Amino acid sequence: DNAKNTVYLEMNSLKPEDTAVYYCAAAPWT
């Protein structure tokens, strides 16, 4: 949502192997 300066990750049907620390990251638009 660029108006809110926010990125989301909707995660469904989660599995035990999805267990982790999740990090968001930014790359220049170029």
PDB file of all heavy atoms in Angstrom:
ATOM      1  N   ASP A   1       0.885  -1.164   0.000  1.00  0.00           N
ATOM      2  CA  ASP A   1       0.000   0.000   0.000  1.00  0.00           C
ATOM      3  C   ASP A   1       0.920   1.209   0.000  1.00  0.00           C
ATOM      4  O   ASP A   1       1.463   1.595   1.045  1.00  0.00           O
ATOM      5  CB  ASP A   1      -0.899  -0.029   1.237  1.00  0.00           C
ATOM      6  CG  ASP A   1      -1.915   1.098   1.240  1.00  0.00           C
ATOM      7  OD1 ASP A   1      -1.686   2.129   0.579  1.00  0.00           O
ATOM      8  OD2 ASP A   1      -2.948   0.963   1.916  1.00  0.00           O
ATOM      9  N   ASN A   2       1.119   1.801  -1.157  1.00  0.00           N
ATOM     10  CA  ASN A   2       2.076   2.901  -1.265  1.00  0.00           C
ATOM     11  C   ASN A   2       1.597   4.154  -0.539  1.00  0.00           C
ATOM     12  O   ASN A   2       2.412   4.995  -0.152  1.00  0.00           O
ATOM     13  CB  ASN A   2       2.371   3.193  -2.733  1.00  0.00           C
ATOM     14  CG  ASN A   2       3.252   2.119  -3.363  1.00  0.00           C
ATOM     15  OD1 ASN A   2       3.916   1.354  -2.661  1.00  0.00           O
ATOM     16  ND2 ASN A   2       3.243   2.047  -4.682  1.00  0.00           N
ATOM     17  N   ALA A   3       0.316   4.270  -0.318  1.00  0.00           N
ATOM     18  CA  ALA A   3      -0.195   5.415   0.440  1.00  0.00           C
ATOM     19  C   ALA A   3       0.148   5.292   1.923  1.00  0.00           C
ATOM     20  O   ALA A   3       0.240   6.307   2.622  1.00  0.00           O
ATOM     21  CB  ALA A   3      -1.701   5.535   0.267  1.00  0.00           C
ATOM     22  N   LYS A   4       0.335   4.047   2.381  1.00  0.00           N
ATOM     23  CA  LYS A   4       0.650   3.801   3.795  1.00  0.00           C
ATOM     24  C   LYS A   4       2.114   3.424   4.007  1.00  0.00           C
ATOM     25  O   LYS A   4       2.513   3.100   5.129  1.00  0.00           O
ATOM     26  CB  LYS A   4      -0.244   2.690   4.352  1.00  0.00           C
ATOM     27  CG  LYS A   4      -1.725   3.059   4.391  1.00  0.00           C
ATOM     28  CD  LYS A   4      -2.544   1.945   5.018  1.00  0.00           C
ATOM     29  CE  LYS A   4      -4.013   2.331   5.106  1.00  0.00           C
ATOM     30  NZ  LYS A   4      -4.838   1.255   5.718  1.00  0.00           N
ATOM     31  N   ASN A   5       2.885   3.424   2.931  1.00  0.00           N
ATOM     32  CA  ASN A   5       4.314   3.059   3.023  1.00  0.00           C
ATOM     33  C   ASN A   5       4.496   1.698   3.693  1.00  0.00           C
ATOM     34  O   ASN A   5       5.390   1.515   4.529  1.00  0.00           O
ATOM     35  CB  ASN A   5       5.096   4.122   3.802  1.00  0.00           C
ATOM     36  CG  ASN A   5       5.217   5.423   3.051  1.00  0.00           C
ATOM     37  OD1 ASN A   5       4.820   5.528   1.888  1.00  0.00           O
ATOM     38  ND2 ASN A   5       5.751   6.429   3.699  1.00  0.00           N
ATOM     39  N   THR A   6       3.676   0.748   3.313  1.00  0.00           N
ATOM     40  CA  THR A   6       3.674  -0.547   3.977  1.00  0.00           C
ATOM     41  C   THR A   6       3.603  -1.682   2.951  1.00  0.00           C
ATOM     42  O   THR A   6       2.875  -1.572   1.953  1.00  0.00           O
ATOM     43  CB  THR A   6       2.488  -0.654   4.948  1.00  0.00           C
ATOM     44  OG1 THR A   6       2.572   0.397   5.916  1.00  0.00           O
ATOM     45  CG2 THR A   6       2.490  -1.985   5.694  1.00  0.00           C
ATOM     46  N   VAL A   7       4.342  -2.727   3.226  1.00  0.00           N
ATOM     47  CA  VAL A   7       4.263  -3.954   2.439  1.00  0.00           C
ATOM     48  C   VAL A   7       3.773  -5.067   3.364  1.00  0.00           C
ATOM     49  O   VAL A   7       4.081  -5.076   4.557  1.00  0.00           O
ATOM     50  CB  VAL A   7       5.617  -4.305   1.784  1.00  0.00           C
ATOM     51  CG1 VAL A   7       6.696  -4.555   2.817  1.00  0.00           C
ATOM     52  CG2 VAL A   7       5.477  -5.463   0.824  1.00  0.00           C
ATOM     53  N   TYR A   8       2.992  -5.981   2.793  1.00  0.00           N
ATOM     54  CA  TYR A   8       2.367  -7.041   3.563  1.00  0.00           C
ATOM     55  C   TYR A   8       2.761  -8.405   3.002  1.00  0.00           C
ATOM     56  O   TYR A   8       3.070  -8.550   1.824  1.00  0.00           O
ATOM     57  CB  TYR A   8       0.849  -6.925   3.506  1.00  0.00           C
ATOM     58  CG  TYR A   8       0.311  -5.605   3.976  1.00  0.00           C
ATOM     59  CD1 TYR A   8      -0.035  -4.612   3.058  1.00  0.00           C
ATOM     60  CD2 TYR A   8       0.151  -5.330   5.324  1.00  0.00           C
ATOM     61  CE1 TYR A   8      -0.531  -3.388   3.475  1.00  0.00           C
ATOM     62  CE2 TYR A   8      -0.342  -4.119   5.756  1.00  0.00           C
ATOM     63  CZ  TYR A   8      -0.678  -3.143   4.828  1.00  0.00           C
ATOM     64  OH  TYR A   8      -1.163  -1.926   5.251  1.00  0.00           O
ATOM     65  N   LEU A   9       2.708  -9.403   3.883  1.00  0.00           N
ATOM     66  CA  LEU A   9       2.834 -10.786   3.451  1.00  0.00           C
ATOM     67  C   LEU A   9       1.706 -11.565   4.116  1.00  0.00           C
ATOM     68  O   LEU A   9       1.725 -11.781   5.333  1.00  0.00           O
ATOM     69  CB  LEU A   9       4.191 -11.380   3.822  1.00  0.00           C
ATOM     70  CG  LEU A   9       4.433 -12.794   3.296  1.00  0.00           C
ATOM     71  CD1 LEU A   9       4.553 -12.774   1.761  1.00  0.00           C
ATOM     72  CD2 LEU A   9       5.688 -13.405   3.908  1.00  0.00           C
ATOM     73  N   GLU A  10       0.714 -11.923   3.325  1.00  0.00           N
ATOM     74  CA  GLU A  10      -0.395 -12.740   3.806  1.00  0.00           C
ATOM     75  C   GLU A  10       0.006 -14.195   3.674  1.00  0.00           C
ATOM     76  O   GLU A  10       0.336 -14.649   2.562  1.00  0.00           O
ATOM     77  CB  GLU A  10      -1.648 -12.457   2.975  1.00  0.00           C
ATOM     78  CG  GLU A  10      -2.898 -13.161   3.466  1.00  0.00           C
ATOM     79  CD  GLU A  10      -3.467 -12.512   4.726  1.00  0.00           C
ATOM     80  OE1 GLU A  10      -3.405 -11.289   4.849  1.00  0.00           O
ATOM     81  OE2 GLU A  10      -3.968 -13.269   5.582  1.00  0.00           O
ATOM     82  N   MET A  11      -0.010 -14.925   4.785  1.00  0.00           N
ATOM     83  CA  MET A  11       0.447 -16.311   4.795  1.00  0.00           C
ATOM     84  C   MET A  11      -0.709 -17.214   5.206  1.00  0.00           C
ATOM     85  O   MET A  11      -1.239 -17.076   6.316  1.00  0.00           O
ATOM     86  CB  MET A  11       1.620 -16.487   5.761  1.00  0.00           C
ATOM     87  CG  MET A  11       2.768 -15.532   5.489  1.00  0.00           C
ATOM     88  SD  MET A  11       4.219 -15.843   6.519  1.00  0.00           S
ATOM     89  CE  MET A  11       3.556 -15.446   8.121  1.00  0.00           C
ATOM     90  N   ASN A  12      -1.093 -18.106   4.331  1.00  0.00           N
ATOM     91  CA  ASN A  12      -2.188 -19.048   4.581  1.00  0.00           C
ATOM     92  C   ASN A  12      -1.673 -20.483   4.518  1.00  0.00           C
ATOM     93  O   ASN A  12      -0.595 -20.740   3.982  1.00  0.00           O
ATOM     94  CB  ASN A  12      -3.297 -18.834   3.545  1.00  0.00           C
ATOM     95  CG  ASN A  12      -3.906 -17.456   3.617  1.00  0.00           C
ATOM     96  OD1 ASN A  12      -4.223 -16.949   4.702  1.00  0.00           O
ATOM     97  ND2 ASN A  12      -4.096 -16.825   2.467  1.00  0.00           N
ATOM     98  N   SER A  13      -2.472 -21.396   5.042  1.00  0.00           N
ATOM     99  CA  SER A  13      -2.121 -22.825   5.024  1.00  0.00           C
ATOM    100  C   SER A  13      -0.693 -23.039   5.531  1.00  0.00           C
ATOM    101  O   SER A  13       0.105 -23.748   4.912  1.00  0.00           O
ATOM    102  CB  SER A  13      -2.273 -23.392   3.602  1.00  0.00           C
ATOM    103  OG  SER A  13      -3.578 -23.218   3.121  1.00  0.00           O
ATOM    104  N   LEU A  14      -0.388 -22.419   6.645  1.00  0.00           N
ATOM    105  CA  LEU A  14       0.973 -22.472   7.178  1.00  0.00           C
ATOM    106  C   LEU A  14       1.354 -23.887   7.584  1.00  0.00           C
ATOM    107  O   LEU A  14       0.525 -24.678   8.042  1.00  0.00           O
ATOM    108  CB  LEU A  14       1.110 -21.511   8.351  1.00  0.00           C
ATOM    109  CG  LEU A  14       1.248 -20.042   7.942  1.00  0.00           C
ATOM    110  CD1 LEU A  14       0.921 -19.115   9.100  1.00  0.00           C
ATOM    111  CD2 LEU A  14       2.656 -19.773   7.421  1.00  0.00           C
ATOM    112  N   LYS A  15       2.637 -24.166   7.395  1.00  0.00           N
ATOM    113  CA  LYS A  15       3.202 -25.479   7.702  1.00  0.00           C
ATOM    114  C   LYS A  15       4.324 -25.315   8.728  1.00  0.00           C
ATOM    115  O   LYS A  15       4.945 -24.238   8.796  1.00  0.00           O
ATOM    116  CB  LYS A  15       3.787 -26.099   6.430  1.00  0.00           C
ATOM    117  CG  LYS A  15       2.809 -26.212   5.272  1.00  0.00           C
ATOM    118  CD  LYS A  15       3.513 -26.728   4.032  1.00  0.00           C
ATOM    119  CE  LYS A  15       2.557 -26.818   2.845  1.00  0.00           C
ATOM    120  NZ  LYS A  15       3.258 -27.299   1.619  1.00  0.00           N
ATOM    121  N   PRO A  16       4.633 -26.355   9.476  1.00  0.00           N
ATOM    122  CA  PRO A  16       5.755 -26.244  10.435  1.00  0.00           C
ATOM    123  C   PRO A  16       7.052 -25.810   9.767  1.00  0.00           C
ATOM    124  O   PRO A  16       7.850 -25.079  10.382  1.00  0.00           O
ATOM    125  CB  PRO A  16       5.851 -27.663  11.003  1.00  0.00           C
ATOM    126  CG  PRO A  16       4.456 -28.187  10.918  1.00  0.00           C
ATOM    127  CD  PRO A  16       3.899 -27.623   9.639  1.00  0.00           C
ATOM    128  N   GLU A  17       7.269 -26.211   8.532  1.00  0.00           N
ATOM    129  CA  GLU A  17       8.501 -25.818   7.837  1.00  0.00           C
ATOM    130  C   GLU A  17       8.535 -24.346   7.448  1.00  0.00           C
ATOM    131  O   GLU A  17       9.567 -23.852   6.970  1.00  0.00           O
ATOM    132  CB  GLU A  17       8.736 -26.695   6.602  1.00  0.00           C
ATOM    133  CG  GLU A  17       7.551 -26.786   5.661  1.00  0.00           C
ATOM    134  CD  GLU A  17       6.708 -28.041   5.906  1.00  0.00           C
ATOM    135  OE1 GLU A  17       6.462 -28.377   7.086  1.00  0.00           O
ATOM    136  OE2 GLU A  17       6.296 -28.667   4.907  1.00  0.00           O
ATOM    137  N   ASP A  18       7.448 -23.620   7.667  1.00  0.00           N
ATOM    138  CA  ASP A  18       7.454 -22.172   7.462  1.00  0.00           C
ATOM    139  C   ASP A  18       8.009 -21.432   8.681  1.00  0.00           C
ATOM    140  O   ASP A  18       8.186 -20.208   8.635  1.00  0.00           O
ATOM    141  CB  ASP A  18       6.035 -21.659   7.183  1.00  0.00           C
ATOM    142  CG  ASP A  18       5.476 -22.165   5.866  1.00  0.00           C
ATOM    143  OD1 ASP A  18       6.212 -22.182   4.862  1.00  0.00           O
ATOM    144  OD2 ASP A  18       4.285 -22.540   5.841  1.00  0.00           O
ATOM    145  N   THR A  19       8.278 -22.150   9.754  1.00  0.00           N
ATOM    146  CA  THR A  19       8.827 -21.544  10.962  1.00  0.00           C
ATOM    147  C   THR A  19      10.183 -20.900  10.672  1.00  0.00           C
ATOM    148  O   THR A  19      11.087 -21.554  10.149  1.00  0.00           O
ATOM    149  CB  THR A  19       8.978 -22.596  12.073  1.00  0.00           C
ATOM    150  OG1 THR A  19       7.666 -23.056  12.444  1.00  0.00           O
ATOM    151  CG2 THR A  19       9.667 -22.009  13.291  1.00  0.00           C
ATOM    152  N   ALA A  20      10.303 -19.622  10.998  1.00  0.00           N
ATOM    153  CA  ALA A  20      11.527 -18.871  10.706  1.00  0.00           C
ATOM    154  C   ALA A  20      11.365 -17.441  11.224  1.00  0.00           C
ATOM    155  O   ALA A  20      10.255 -17.019  11.590  1.00  0.00           O
ATOM    156  CB  ALA A  20      11.807 -18.831   9.203  1.00  0.00           C
ATOM    157  N   VAL A  21      12.460 -16.708  11.207  1.00  0.00           N
ATOM    158  CA  VAL A  21      12.387 -15.252  11.357  1.00  0.00           C
ATOM    159  C   VAL A  21      12.198 -14.676   9.959  1.00  0.00           C
ATOM    160  O   VAL A  21      12.956 -15.006   9.039  1.00  0.00           O
ATOM    161  CB  VAL A  21      13.651 -14.691  12.012  1.00  0.00           C
ATOM    162  CG1 VAL A  21      13.556 -13.164  12.098  1.00  0.00           C
ATOM    163  CG2 VAL A  21      13.852 -15.300  13.397  1.00  0.00           C
ATOM    164  N   TYR A  22      11.193 -13.848   9.809  1.00  0.00           N
ATOM    165  CA  TYR A  22      10.876 -13.236   8.524  1.00  0.00           C
ATOM    166  C   TYR A  22      11.369 -11.789   8.505  1.00  0.00           C
ATOM    167  O   TYR A  22      11.120 -11.031   9.452  1.00  0.00           O
ATOM    168  CB  TYR A  22       9.375 -13.293   8.275  1.00  0.00           C
ATOM    169  CG  TYR A  22       8.902 -14.672   7.872  1.00  0.00           C
ATOM    170  CD1 TYR A  22       8.893 -15.726   8.778  1.00  0.00           C
ATOM    171  CD2 TYR A  22       8.491 -14.925   6.564  1.00  0.00           C
ATOM    172  CE1 TYR A  22       8.491 -16.994   8.396  1.00  0.00           C
ATOM    173  CE2 TYR A  22       8.077 -16.196   6.174  1.00  0.00           C
ATOM    174  CZ  TYR A  22       8.078 -17.221   7.096  1.00  0.00           C
ATOM    175  OH  TYR A  22       7.677 -18.481   6.710  1.00  0.00           O
ATOM    176  N   TYR A  23      12.033 -11.435   7.408  1.00  0.00           N
ATOM    177  CA  TYR A  23      12.606 -10.100   7.249  1.00  0.00           C
ATOM    178  C   TYR A  23      12.041  -9.442   5.998  1.00  0.00           C
ATOM    179  O   TYR A  23      12.005 -10.077   4.935  1.00  0.00           O
ATOM    180  CB  TYR A  23      14.115 -10.188   7.081  1.00  0.00           C
ATOM    181  CG  TYR A  23      14.858 -10.795   8.230  1.00  0.00           C
ATOM    182  CD1 TYR A  23      15.073 -12.172   8.296  1.00  0.00           C
ATOM    183  CD2 TYR A  23      15.385  -9.997   9.248  1.00  0.00           C
ATOM    184  CE1 TYR A  23      15.774 -12.731   9.358  1.00  0.00           C
ATOM    185  CE2 TYR A  23      16.088 -10.552  10.305  1.00  0.00           C
ATOM    186  CZ  TYR A  23      16.271 -11.910  10.354  1.00  0.00           C
ATOM    187  OH  TYR A  23      16.972 -12.462  11.393  1.00  0.00           O
ATOM    188  N   CYS A  24      11.642  -8.190   6.130  1.00  0.00           N
ATOM    189  CA  CYS A  24      11.349  -7.460   4.899  1.00  0.00           C
ATOM    190  C   CYS A  24      12.615  -6.728   4.463  1.00  0.00           C
ATOM    191  O   CYS A  24      13.532  -6.505   5.262  1.00  0.00           O
ATOM    192  CB  CYS A  24      10.174  -6.508   5.059  1.00  0.00           C
ATOM    193  SG  CYS A  24      10.516  -5.012   5.985  1.00  0.00           S
ATOM    194  N   ALA A  25      12.659  -6.399   3.194  1.00  0.00           N
ATOM    195  CA  ALA A  25      13.845  -5.794   2.624  1.00  0.00           C
ATOM    196  C   ALA A  25      13.454  -4.888   1.461  1.00  0.00           C
ATOM    197  O   ALA A  25      12.398  -5.078   0.850  1.00  0.00           O
ATOM    198  CB  ALA A  25      14.810  -6.880   2.149  1.00  0.00           C
ATOM    199  N   ALA A  26      14.326  -3.923   1.169  1.00  0.00           N
ATOM    200  CA  ALA A  26      14.072  -2.955   0.100  1.00  0.00           C
ATOM    201  C   ALA A  26      15.230  -2.932  -0.874  1.00  0.00           C
ATOM    202  O   ALA A  26      16.400  -2.955  -0.469  1.00  0.00           O
ATOM    203  CB  ALA A  26      13.865  -1.566   0.696  1.00  0.00           C
ATOM    204  N   ALA A  27      14.885  -2.891  -2.154  1.00  0.00           N
ATOM    205  CA  ALA A  27      15.868  -2.766  -3.225  1.00  0.00           C
ATOM    206  C   ALA A  27      15.534  -1.521  -4.040  1.00  0.00           C
ATOM    207  O   ALA A  27      14.355  -1.253  -4.304  1.00  0.00           O
ATOM    208  CB  ALA A  27      15.832  -4.002  -4.123  1.00  0.00           C
ATOM    209  N   PRO A  28      16.524  -0.753  -4.462  1.00  0.00           N
ATOM    210  CA  PRO A  28      16.247   0.448  -5.264  1.00  0.00           C
ATOM    211  C   PRO A  28      15.419   0.113  -6.505  1.00  0.00           C
ATOM    212  O   PRO A  28      15.571  -0.959  -7.089  1.00  0.00           O
ATOM    213  CB  PRO A  28      17.634   0.951  -5.642  1.00  0.00           C
ATOM    214  CG  PRO A  28      18.532   0.392  -4.593  1.00  0.00           C
ATOM    215  CD  PRO A  28      17.952  -0.932  -4.233  1.00  0.00           C
ATOM    216  N   TRP A  29      14.593   1.045  -6.947  1.00  0.00           N
ATOM    217  CA  TRP A  29      13.705   0.787  -8.069  1.00  0.00           C
ATOM    218  C   TRP A  29      14.466   0.519  -9.363  1.00  0.00           C
ATOM    219  O   TRP A  29      13.931  -0.077 -10.294  1.00  0.00           O
ATOM    220  CB  TRP A  29      12.747   1.962  -8.270  1.00  0.00           C
ATOM    221  CG  TRP A  29      13.409   3.216  -8.769  1.00  0.00           C
ATOM    222  CD1 TRP A  29      13.990   4.196  -8.031  1.00  0.00           C
ATOM    223  CD2 TRP A  29      13.564   3.599 -10.140  1.00  0.00           C
ATOM    224  NE1 TRP A  29      14.505   5.161  -8.853  1.00  0.00           N
ATOM    225  CE2 TRP A  29      14.255   4.830 -10.156  1.00  0.00           C
ATOM    226  CE3 TRP A  29      13.193   3.020 -11.360  1.00  0.00           C
ATOM    227  CZ2 TRP A  29      14.569   5.491 -11.329  1.00  0.00           C
ATOM    228  CZ3 TRP A  29      13.506   3.684 -12.542  1.00  0.00           C
ATOM    229  CH2 TRP A  29      14.185   4.902 -12.508  1.00  0.00           C
ATOM    230  N   THR A  30      15.729   0.899  -9.412  1.00  0.00           N
ATOM    231  CA  THR A  30      16.564   0.660 -10.597  1.00  0.00           C
ATOM    232  C   THR A  30      17.055  -0.786 -10.679  1.00  0.00           C
ATOM    233  O   THR A  30      17.635  -1.183 -11.701  1.00  0.00           O
ATOM    234  CB  THR A  30      17.780   1.593 -10.579  1.00  0.00           C
ATOM    235  OG1 THR A  30      18.429   1.467  -9.297  1.00  0.00           O
ATOM    236  CG2 THR A  30      17.348   3.037 -10.785  1.00  0.00           C
TER     237      THR A  30
END
